[in-house]
């Protein structure tokens, strides 16, 4: 049994060693027209570098409403300048600012020739065709030099970047209307167990609906993969083998259930018969201890525990980096952050615990001395009934992490929190 940190590292190491994460340039790509379908690009991985098609800004750009002036004309407060024209966004002043002159300028407009500073309108007084400046002016103030944000040919979005609204805005700005993106890895999902029926069926007295396939499909999509739902398999060797062989046609195979040590836990046995190599089959965490990771038929295979909360936790810890790598980007570190514990926590020794929890930020008080303490995030564990309690995760927005080395935690301590993907 290994730690969750070692297990996650083993997934990354194994995919790298098996060349399962090819360079984005070699992936099967598609192009998305962001001018017409920008939403399709959200969350996709950029397959090629995007470079600036010209300098940005392409001209010296004002960042304030005011007046473009020569700093030499404003050696002392009270300077009086004649207004000779206007520069606004999209329509530049065509002349040159000479001694004793200025040009009215609006935010985003080109700074005219001859001017080397912008004075905010609030710092001037109008006197007919003249303005009087109330303050000293320094050269370069309140405008951005041409090329300060990006130079022509400079890479502004590197390949391997996951696209979001800022990246799409940048791509649009530099004229990259058709973005090459890597295809999403296909992730097969199979749930196992004689007790399962599909979500649209009425379960018998000792059956349950197959919620794991639905939650895993959602987690796959949130992580950037393309889920392929193969339904469920009974706890029987022939049917399970057939479903696994179908799943190995995808880039990643996930099985939920059947990975513990019970009489009908057959996943590892079937995978072994198919020639799988296993890298771990137990992780020192709760929930999720009997998690399995192996390699079979040239594909990464994950056997996740069947209890729903265990499935959710182990997917986030171990499957997400595999999806990221097969998408053409580098795997991200777990996004832990610190929060103050609202109450004591005392867990059993021997494993790390991922407890459904809720983090909140108390209202900030107007008094500045109290601000830092009052605005600190506070986390409290959700009352739950174990790893089968889906409702506890519904009520949570994160998981409180009680590490194996520190399982007794006092109220007010700073603890690690793992956000629930899509909820925080």
Foldseek 3Di string as FASTA:
>chain_A
DAALVVQQVVLVVVCVVLVLQPALLPFDKDKDQCVVCVVVQAQFFFSAFDFFQAWVVQAWFFQAFAKFAALVQQPDAFRKAFEDEEWEAPRGDPDAADRRYIYGYHGGTHRHHPGFEGDHRVQWDDDPRMIGGGGRTDGNYRIDGTRPVHHGGHGPDGGQDGDDDVNSVVCVVRPVRMTMTGAFFEEEEEEEEPQEDDPPDDGDPRHDYDVQLVVVCVVCVLLRHHYDYPYYAYLDQVRLLVSVVVRVVTQEYEYEALQDPDPSSCVVVNQVVQPKDWDDQAHQEPPWGRWTWIAGPSHIYIYTYRQRQSSQVCCVSHVSQSSSSSRNHHRDDQPKDKAFEAFKFADDARGKYWAFKAKDAADADPDPVCRVVNRGIYMYGFDDDGSNGVVSNVPGQWTWIQGNVGRIGGGGDIGIIGGRRPRD
